[in-house]
Amino acid sequence: MLVKDEMTTEIVKISPDNSVRQAAKVMLDNHVSGIPVVDDDGHLVGIISEGDLIRRTELGSGGVASPAEMAMPAEERASAYVKRSSWKVGDAMTHDPITIDEEAPLTQVAKLMQERGIKRIPVTRAGELVGIVSRADLLRVILTAKRDETAAGDDAIQRSIAIRLGENTGLEGLDVKVIVDDGIVHLWGNVETTECRRAARTVAESVRGVRGVVEHFSQSGA
């Protein structure tokens, strides 16, 4: 599944010459937590989000520098002051935001959001802004995802579970044995930790056709 299949194409945008007050109003009016910032030629120059505005002087938090800020070089402290005090979006925004190509897989979006702690990513085509993908878009994918398409039958279920047990589950090398009888999955092996046992059960329960799971795991490794 690609970014272009799930991104939002009706983009709420703002100019770097608009005011921070206007940016806050646009966010509230459109129920979004961040807005791409584009110049007069339509090129993406930044993004302004709730995170950029949480230390604004309007909130009474700009007058006292944090200990971390006081330890910064003078140039960085001056930049931080401008960001929290200037009336212009262009000064308060995050410059050079992370972007993603519309042909990228959604797995890359999720990875970037997790690693960078961001909620939305502008989407580009040949460098031009064409959409935005957010955490809400990923939630819609989860909501509409089709169930596993495993073929019917105990043998097919057993093969599917056996394959999935080795796919980055934390169970690799534990030699978990799987038997399926009339849709009931029986799991054996020296799986000592609660989390690993839960992972094995989750693998089994995620396969279509499974009616129940019975654990026969060793508690002591014996």
C-alpha atoms as a PDB file:
ATOM      1  CA  MET A   1       0.000   0.000   0.000  1.00  0.00           C
ATOM      2  CA  LEU A   2       1.446   3.341  -1.093  1.00  0.00           C
ATOM      3  CA  VAL A   3       1.275   6.827   0.394  1.00  0.00           C
ATOM      4  CA  LYS A   4      -0.648   8.147  -2.622  1.00  0.00           C
ATOM      5  CA  ASP A   5      -3.460   5.667  -1.915  1.00  0.00           C
ATOM      6  CA  GLU A   6      -4.188   7.035   1.569  1.00  0.00           C
ATOM      7  CA  MET A   7      -2.903  10.639   1.677  1.00  0.00           C
ATOM      8  CA  THR A   8      -5.179  13.648   2.013  1.00  0.00           C
ATOM      9  CA  THR A   9      -5.078  15.743  -1.170  1.00  0.00           C
ATOM     10  CA  GLU A  10      -7.278  18.626   0.003  1.00  0.00           C
ATOM     11  CA  ILE A  11      -4.459  20.411   1.799  1.00  0.00           C
ATOM     12  CA  VAL A  12      -4.945  23.293   4.206  1.00  0.00           C
ATOM     13  CA  LYS A  13      -1.940  25.566   3.583  1.00  0.00           C
ATOM     14  CA  ILE A  14      -0.632  28.845   4.905  1.00  0.00           C
ATOM     15  CA  SER A  15       1.917  31.444   3.788  1.00  0.00           C
ATOM     16  CA  PRO A  16       5.122  32.183   5.719  1.00  0.00           C
ATOM     17  CA  ASP A  17       3.999  35.834   5.701  1.00  0.00           C
ATOM     18  CA  ASN A  18       0.770  35.072   7.568  1.00  0.00           C
ATOM     19  CA  SER A  19       0.548  35.678  11.305  1.00  0.00           C
ATOM     20  CA  VAL A  20       0.885  33.040  13.994  1.00  0.00           C
ATOM     21  CA  ARG A  21      -2.597  34.025  15.159  1.00  0.00           C
ATOM     22  CA  GLN A  22      -3.936  33.206  11.683  1.00  0.00           C
ATOM     23  CA  ALA A  23      -2.157  29.838  11.755  1.00  0.00           C
ATOM     24  CA  ALA A  24      -3.741  29.022  15.116  1.00  0.00           C
ATOM     25  CA  LYS A  25      -7.169  29.981  13.762  1.00  0.00           C
ATOM     26  CA  VAL A  26      -6.739  27.827  10.648  1.00  0.00           C
ATOM     27  CA  MET A  27      -5.741  24.839  12.795  1.00  0.00           C
ATOM     28  CA  LEU A  28      -8.768  25.272  15.043  1.00  0.00           C
ATOM     29  CA  ASP A  29     -11.198  25.894  12.178  1.00  0.00           C
ATOM     30  CA  ASN A  30     -10.035  22.818  10.269  1.00  0.00           C
ATOM     31  CA  HIS A  31      -9.446  20.526  13.272  1.00  0.00           C
ATOM     32  CA  VAL A  32      -5.825  19.869  12.310  1.00  0.00           C
ATOM     33  CA  SER A  33      -2.709  20.004  14.449  1.00  0.00           C
ATOM     34  CA  GLY A  34      -0.285  21.126  11.748  1.00  0.00           C
ATOM     35  CA  ILE A  35      -0.246  23.008   8.443  1.00  0.00           C
ATOM     36  CA  PRO A  36       2.208  22.984   5.520  1.00  0.00           C
ATOM     37  CA  VAL A  37       3.730  26.392   4.839  1.00  0.00           C
ATOM     38  CA  VAL A  38       4.131  27.273   1.134  1.00  0.00           C
ATOM     39  CA  ASP A  39       5.622  30.294  -0.626  1.00  0.00           C
ATOM     40  CA  ASP A  40       4.033  32.317  -3.448  1.00  0.00           C
ATOM     41  CA  ASP A  41       5.183  29.753  -6.006  1.00  0.00           C
ATOM     42  CA  GLY A  42       3.547  26.908  -4.105  1.00  0.00           C
ATOM     43  CA  HIS A  43       6.828  25.419  -2.887  1.00  0.00           C
ATOM     44  CA  LEU A  44       6.899  23.823   0.551  1.00  0.00           C
ATOM     45  CA  VAL A  45       9.134  25.880   2.854  1.00  0.00           C
ATOM     46  CA  GLY A  46       8.125  24.549   6.266  1.00  0.00           C
ATOM     47  CA  ILE A  47       5.397  23.248   8.502  1.00  0.00           C
ATOM     48  CA  ILE A  48       3.817  24.873  11.536  1.00  0.00           C
ATOM     49  CA  SER A  49       2.230  22.705  14.201  1.00  0.00           C
ATOM     50  CA  GLU A  50       0.967  22.748  17.748  1.00  0.00           C
ATOM     51  CA  GLY A  51       4.436  21.704  18.817  1.00  0.00           C
ATOM     52  CA  ASP A  52       5.893  24.907  17.369  1.00  0.00           C
ATOM     53  CA  LEU A  53       3.487  27.022  19.404  1.00  0.00           C
ATOM     54  CA  ILE A  54       3.622  25.499  22.898  1.00  0.00           C
ATOM     55  CA  ARG A  55       6.315  27.928  24.153  1.00  0.00           C
ATOM     56  CA  ARG A  56       4.886  31.090  22.622  1.00  0.00           C
ATOM     57  CA  THR A  57       5.140  34.337  24.546  1.00  0.00           C
ATOM     58  CA  GLU A  58       1.348  34.650  24.271  1.00  0.00           C
ATOM     59  CA  LEU A  59       1.116  31.680  26.636  1.00  0.00           C
ATOM     60  CA  GLY A  60       3.305  33.424  29.190  1.00  0.00           C
ATOM     61  CA  SER A  61       6.106  30.905  28.748  1.00  0.00           C
ATOM     62  CA  GLY A  62       8.455  32.920  26.593  1.00  0.00           C
ATOM     63  CA  GLY A  63       9.857  35.272  29.203  1.00  0.00           C
ATOM     64  CA  VAL A  64      11.818  32.703  31.192  1.00  0.00           C
ATOM     65  CA  ALA A  65      14.392  30.576  29.421  1.00  0.00           C
ATOM     66  CA  SER A  66      14.709  26.942  30.413  1.00  0.00           C
ATOM     67  CA  PRO A  67      18.009  25.651  31.849  1.00  0.00           C
ATOM     68  CA  ALA A  68      18.613  23.810  28.574  1.00  0.00           C
ATOM     69  CA  GLU A  69      18.091  27.013  26.617  1.00  0.00           C
ATOM     70  CA  MET A  70      20.397  28.995  28.890  1.00  0.00           C
ATOM     71  CA  ALA A  71      23.147  26.508  28.063  1.00  0.00           C
ATOM     72  CA  MET A  72      22.781  27.153  24.334  1.00  0.00           C
ATOM     73  CA  PRO A  73      25.203  29.347  22.364  1.00  0.00           C
ATOM     74  CA  ALA A  74      23.986  32.935  21.924  1.00  0.00           C
ATOM     75  CA  GLU A  75      23.025  32.367  18.281  1.00  0.00           C
ATOM     76  CA  GLU A  76      20.784  29.418  19.147  1.00  0.00           C
ATOM     77  CA  ARG A  77      19.194  31.318  22.042  1.00  0.00           C
ATOM     78  CA  ALA A  78      18.472  34.239  19.708  1.00  0.00           C
ATOM     79  CA  SER A  79      16.863  31.869  17.207  1.00  0.00           C
ATOM     80  CA  ALA A  80      14.725  30.329  19.962  1.00  0.00           C
ATOM     81  CA  TYR A  81      13.613  33.800  21.046  1.00  0.00           C
ATOM     82  CA  VAL A  82      12.544  34.695  17.496  1.00  0.00           C
ATOM     83  CA  LYS A  83      10.648  31.414  17.137  1.00  0.00           C
ATOM     84  CA  ARG A  84       8.595  31.964  20.290  1.00  0.00           C
ATOM     85  CA  SER A  85       8.106  35.725  19.907  1.00  0.00           C
ATOM     86  CA  SER A  86       7.809  36.663  16.213  1.00  0.00           C
ATOM     87  CA  TRP A  87       4.340  37.276  14.828  1.00  0.00           C
ATOM     88  CA  LYS A  88       5.203  35.671  11.466  1.00  0.00           C
ATOM     89  CA  VAL A  89       4.588  32.030  10.557  1.00  0.00           C
ATOM     90  CA  GLY A  90       7.902  32.017   8.675  1.00  0.00           C
ATOM     91  CA  ASP A  91       9.768  32.622  11.935  1.00  0.00           C
ATOM     92  CA  ALA A  92       7.739  30.263  14.127  1.00  0.00           C
ATOM     93  CA  MET A  93       7.523  27.315  11.727  1.00  0.00           C
ATOM     94  CA  THR A  94       9.790  24.284  11.487  1.00  0.00           C
ATOM     95  CA  HIS A  95      12.046  24.725   8.477  1.00  0.00           C
ATOM     96  CA  ASP A  96      13.037  21.928   6.092  1.00  0.00           C
ATOM     97  CA  PRO A  97      10.328  19.520   7.287  1.00  0.00           C
ATOM     98  CA  ILE A  98      10.545  15.797   6.667  1.00  0.00           C
ATOM     99  CA  THR A  99       8.700  14.904   3.456  1.00  0.00           C
ATOM    100  CA  ILE A 100       7.845  11.647   1.735  1.00  0.00           C
ATOM    101  CA  ASP A 101       7.307  10.738  -1.904  1.00  0.00           C
ATOM    102  CA  GLU A 102       3.808   9.691  -2.936  1.00  0.00           C
ATOM    103  CA  GLU A 103       5.183   6.372  -4.239  1.00  0.00           C
ATOM    104  CA  ALA A 104       6.653   5.391  -0.853  1.00  0.00           C
ATOM    105  CA  PRO A 105       5.057   2.529   1.110  1.00  0.00           C
ATOM    106  CA  LEU A 106       2.913   3.320   4.134  1.00  0.00           C
ATOM    107  CA  THR A 107       5.283   1.278   6.268  1.00  0.00           C
ATOM    108  CA  GLN A 108       7.879   4.005   5.684  1.00  0.00           C
ATOM    109  CA  VAL A 109       5.410   6.637   6.931  1.00  0.00           C
ATOM    110  CA  ALA A 110       4.796   4.712  10.142  1.00  0.00           C
ATOM    111  CA  LYS A 111       8.547   4.254  10.648  1.00  0.00           C
ATOM    112  CA  LEU A 112       9.281   7.963  10.182  1.00  0.00           C
ATOM    113  CA  MET A 113       6.465   9.005  12.513  1.00  0.00           C
ATOM    114  CA  GLN A 114       7.692   6.649  15.201  1.00  0.00           C
ATOM    115  CA  GLU A 115      11.366   7.567  14.879  1.00  0.00           C
ATOM    116  CA  ARG A 116      10.855  11.339  14.639  1.00  0.00           C
ATOM    117  CA  GLY A 117       7.839  11.697  16.924  1.00  0.00           C
ATOM    118  CA  ILE A 118       5.784  13.533  14.288  1.00  0.00           C
ATOM    119  CA  LYS A 119       2.079  13.366  13.498  1.00  0.00           C
ATOM    120  CA  ARG A 120       1.967  14.328   9.821  1.00  0.00           C
ATOM    121  CA  ILE A 121       4.261  14.301   6.798  1.00  0.00           C
ATOM    122  CA  PRO A 122       3.921  16.429   3.637  1.00  0.00           C
ATOM    123  CA  VAL A 123       3.747  14.297   0.494  1.00  0.00           C
ATOM    124  CA  THR A 124       5.629  15.293  -2.660  1.00  0.00           C
ATOM    125  CA  ARG A 125       5.674  14.384  -6.346  1.00  0.00           C
ATOM    126  CA  ALA A 126       8.883  15.362  -8.128  1.00  0.00           C
ATOM    127  CA  GLY A 127       9.527  17.737  -5.247  1.00  0.00           C
ATOM    128  CA  GLU A 128       6.112  19.449  -5.397  1.00  0.00           C
ATOM    129  CA  LEU A 129       3.606  19.289  -2.532  1.00  0.00           C
ATOM    130  CA  VAL A 130       0.644  17.096  -3.527  1.00  0.00           C
ATOM    131  CA  GLY A 131      -0.801  15.950  -0.216  1.00  0.00           C
ATOM    132  CA  ILE A 132      -0.270  15.234   3.434  1.00  0.00           C
ATOM    133  CA  VAL A 133      -0.370  11.952   5.331  1.00  0.00           C
ATOM    134  CA  SER A 134      -1.196  11.884   9.029  1.00  0.00           C
ATOM    135  CA  ARG A 135      -1.602   9.456  11.880  1.00  0.00           C
ATOM    136  CA  ALA A 136      -5.353   9.641  11.261  1.00  0.00           C
ATOM    137  CA  ASP A 137      -4.794   8.299   7.734  1.00  0.00           C
ATOM    138  CA  LEU A 138      -2.932   5.321   9.197  1.00  0.00           C
ATOM    139  CA  LEU A 139      -5.796   4.700  11.622  1.00  0.00           C
ATOM    140  CA  ARG A 140      -8.208   4.576   8.674  1.00  0.00           C
ATOM    141  CA  VAL A 141      -6.015   1.932   7.054  1.00  0.00           C
ATOM    142  CA  ILE A 142      -6.236  -0.181  10.213  1.00  0.00           C
ATOM    143  CA  LEU A 143     -10.006   0.275  10.321  1.00  0.00           C
ATOM    144  CA  THR A 144     -10.549  -0.808   6.718  1.00  0.00           C
ATOM    145  CA  ALA A 145      -7.844  -3.513   6.510  1.00  0.00           C
ATOM    146  CA  LYS A 146      -9.033  -6.861   5.204  1.00  0.00           C
ATOM    147  CA  ARG A 147      -8.666  -9.920   7.389  1.00  0.00           C
ATOM    148  CA  ASP A 148      -6.046 -12.509   6.620  1.00  0.00           C
ATOM    149  CA  GLU A 149      -6.721 -14.416   3.397  1.00  0.00           C
ATOM    150  CA  THR A 150      -5.373 -17.795   4.578  1.00  0.00           C
ATOM    151  CA  ALA A 151      -7.007 -20.684   2.757  1.00  0.00           C
ATOM    152  CA  ALA A 152      -9.462 -22.758   4.716  1.00  0.00           C
ATOM    153  CA  GLY A 153      -8.395 -25.980   6.415  1.00  0.00           C
ATOM    154  CA  ASP A 154      -6.247 -27.055   9.335  1.00  0.00           C
ATOM    155  CA  ASP A 155      -3.140 -27.686   7.211  1.00  0.00           C
ATOM    156  CA  ALA A 156      -3.281 -24.206   5.653  1.00  0.00           C
ATOM    157  CA  ILE A 157      -3.766 -22.627   9.067  1.00  0.00           C
ATOM    158  CA  GLN A 158      -0.833 -24.576  10.490  1.00  0.00           C
ATOM    159  CA  ARG A 159       1.475 -23.503   7.637  1.00  0.00           C
ATOM    160  CA  SER A 160       0.464 -19.853   7.954  1.00  0.00           C
ATOM    161  CA  ILE A 161       1.102 -19.799  11.710  1.00  0.00           C
ATOM    162  CA  ALA A 162       4.447 -21.582  11.337  1.00  0.00           C
ATOM    163  CA  ILE A 163       5.614 -18.996   8.793  1.00  0.00           C
ATOM    164  CA  ARG A 164       4.459 -16.019  10.865  1.00  0.00           C
ATOM    165  CA  LEU A 165       6.159 -17.261  14.019  1.00  0.00           C
ATOM    166  CA  GLY A 166       9.501 -16.495  12.373  1.00  0.00           C
ATOM    167  CA  GLU A 167       8.591 -13.024  11.109  1.00  0.00           C
ATOM    168  CA  ASN A 168      10.067 -10.594  13.652  1.00  0.00           C
ATOM    169  CA  THR A 169       7.913 -11.840  16.519  1.00  0.00           C
ATOM    170  CA  GLY A 170      10.613 -12.379  19.131  1.00  0.00           C
ATOM    171  CA  LEU A 171       9.974 -16.112  18.870  1.00  0.00           C
ATOM    172  CA  GLU A 172      12.682 -16.879  16.347  1.00  0.00           C
ATOM    173  CA  GLY A 173      14.767 -19.869  17.422  1.00  0.00           C
ATOM    174  CA  LEU A 174      12.343 -21.018  20.125  1.00  0.00           C
ATOM    175  CA  ASP A 175      11.137 -23.965  18.012  1.00  0.00           C
ATOM    176  CA  VAL A 176       7.440 -23.452  18.726  1.00  0.00           C
ATOM    177  CA  LYS A 177       5.425 -26.463  17.559  1.00  0.00           C
ATOM    178  CA  VAL A 178       1.979 -25.967  16.041  1.00  0.00           C
ATOM    179  CA  ILE A 179      -0.838 -28.476  15.590  1.00  0.00           C
ATOM    180  CA  VAL A 180      -4.283 -27.475  14.360  1.00  0.00           C
ATOM    181  CA  ASP A 181      -7.311 -29.684  14.954  1.00  0.00           C
ATOM    182  CA  ASP A 182     -10.694 -28.517  13.632  1.00  0.00           C
ATOM    183  CA  GLY A 183      -9.609 -24.873  13.865  1.00  0.00           C
ATOM    184  CA  ILE A 184      -8.222 -25.194  17.397  1.00  0.00           C
ATOM    185  CA  VAL A 185      -4.521 -24.312  17.521  1.00  0.00           C
ATOM    186  CA  HIS A 186      -2.279 -26.184  19.984  1.00  0.00           C
ATOM    187  CA  LEU A 187       1.098 -24.591  20.756  1.00  0.00           C
ATOM    188  CA  TRP A 188       4.064 -26.425  22.328  1.00  0.00           C
ATOM    189  CA  GLY A 189       7.631 -25.385  23.106  1.00  0.00           C
ATOM    190  CA  ASN A 190      10.027 -24.018  25.699  1.00  0.00           C
ATOM    191  CA  VAL A 191       8.564 -20.521  25.773  1.00  0.00           C
ATOM    192  CA  GLU A 192       9.290 -19.277  29.260  1.00  0.00           C
ATOM    193  CA  THR A 193       8.353 -15.581  29.295  1.00  0.00           C
ATOM    194  CA  THR A 194       4.841 -14.199  29.474  1.00  0.00           C
ATOM    195  CA  GLU A 195       5.451 -11.766  26.612  1.00  0.00           C
ATOM    196  CA  CYS A 196       6.718 -14.503  24.277  1.00  0.00           C
ATOM    197  CA  ARG A 197       3.712 -16.674  25.100  1.00  0.00           C
ATOM    198  CA  ARG A 198       1.437 -13.727  24.375  1.00  0.00           C
ATOM    199  CA  ALA A 199       3.230 -13.171  21.051  1.00  0.00           C
ATOM    200  CA  ALA A 200       2.701 -16.800  20.042  1.00  0.00           C
ATOM    201  CA  ARG A 201      -0.995 -16.596  20.908  1.00  0.00           C
ATOM    202  CA  THR A 202      -1.313 -13.327  18.961  1.00  0.00           C
ATOM    203  CA  VAL A 203       0.255 -14.935  15.891  1.00  0.00           C
ATOM    204  CA  ALA A 204      -2.222 -17.795  16.020  1.00  0.00           C
ATOM    205  CA  GLU A 205      -5.265 -15.604  16.668  1.00  0.00           C
ATOM    206  CA  SER A 206      -4.419 -13.362  13.697  1.00  0.00           C
ATOM    207  CA  VAL A 207      -4.938 -16.188  11.181  1.00  0.00           C
ATOM    208  CA  ARG A 208      -8.361 -16.554   9.590  1.00  0.00           C
ATOM    209  CA  GLY A 209     -10.162 -19.745  10.516  1.00  0.00           C
ATOM    210  CA  VAL A 210      -8.685 -20.124  13.986  1.00  0.00           C
ATOM    211  CA  ARG A 211     -11.469 -20.879  16.484  1.00  0.00           C
ATOM    212  CA  GLY A 212      -9.346 -21.066  19.613  1.00  0.00           C
ATOM    213  CA  VAL A 213      -5.811 -21.404  20.964  1.00  0.00           C
ATOM    214  CA  VAL A 214      -4.576 -23.874  23.584  1.00  0.00           C
ATOM    215  CA  GLU A 215      -1.111 -23.355  25.100  1.00  0.00           C
ATOM    216  CA  HIS A 216       1.043 -26.273  26.221  1.00  0.00           C
ATOM    217  CA  PHE A 217       4.180 -24.243  26.862  1.00  0.00           C
ATOM    218  CA  SER A 218       6.870 -25.295  29.308  1.00  0.00           C
ATOM    219  CA  GLN A 219       7.113 -22.846  32.216  1.00  0.00           C
ATOM    220  CA  SER A 220      10.618 -23.812  33.214  1.00  0.00           C
ATOM    221  CA  GLY A 221      12.374 -24.747  29.984  1.00  0.00           C
ATOM    222  CA  ALA A 222      12.379 -28.404  31.045  1.00  0.00           C
END
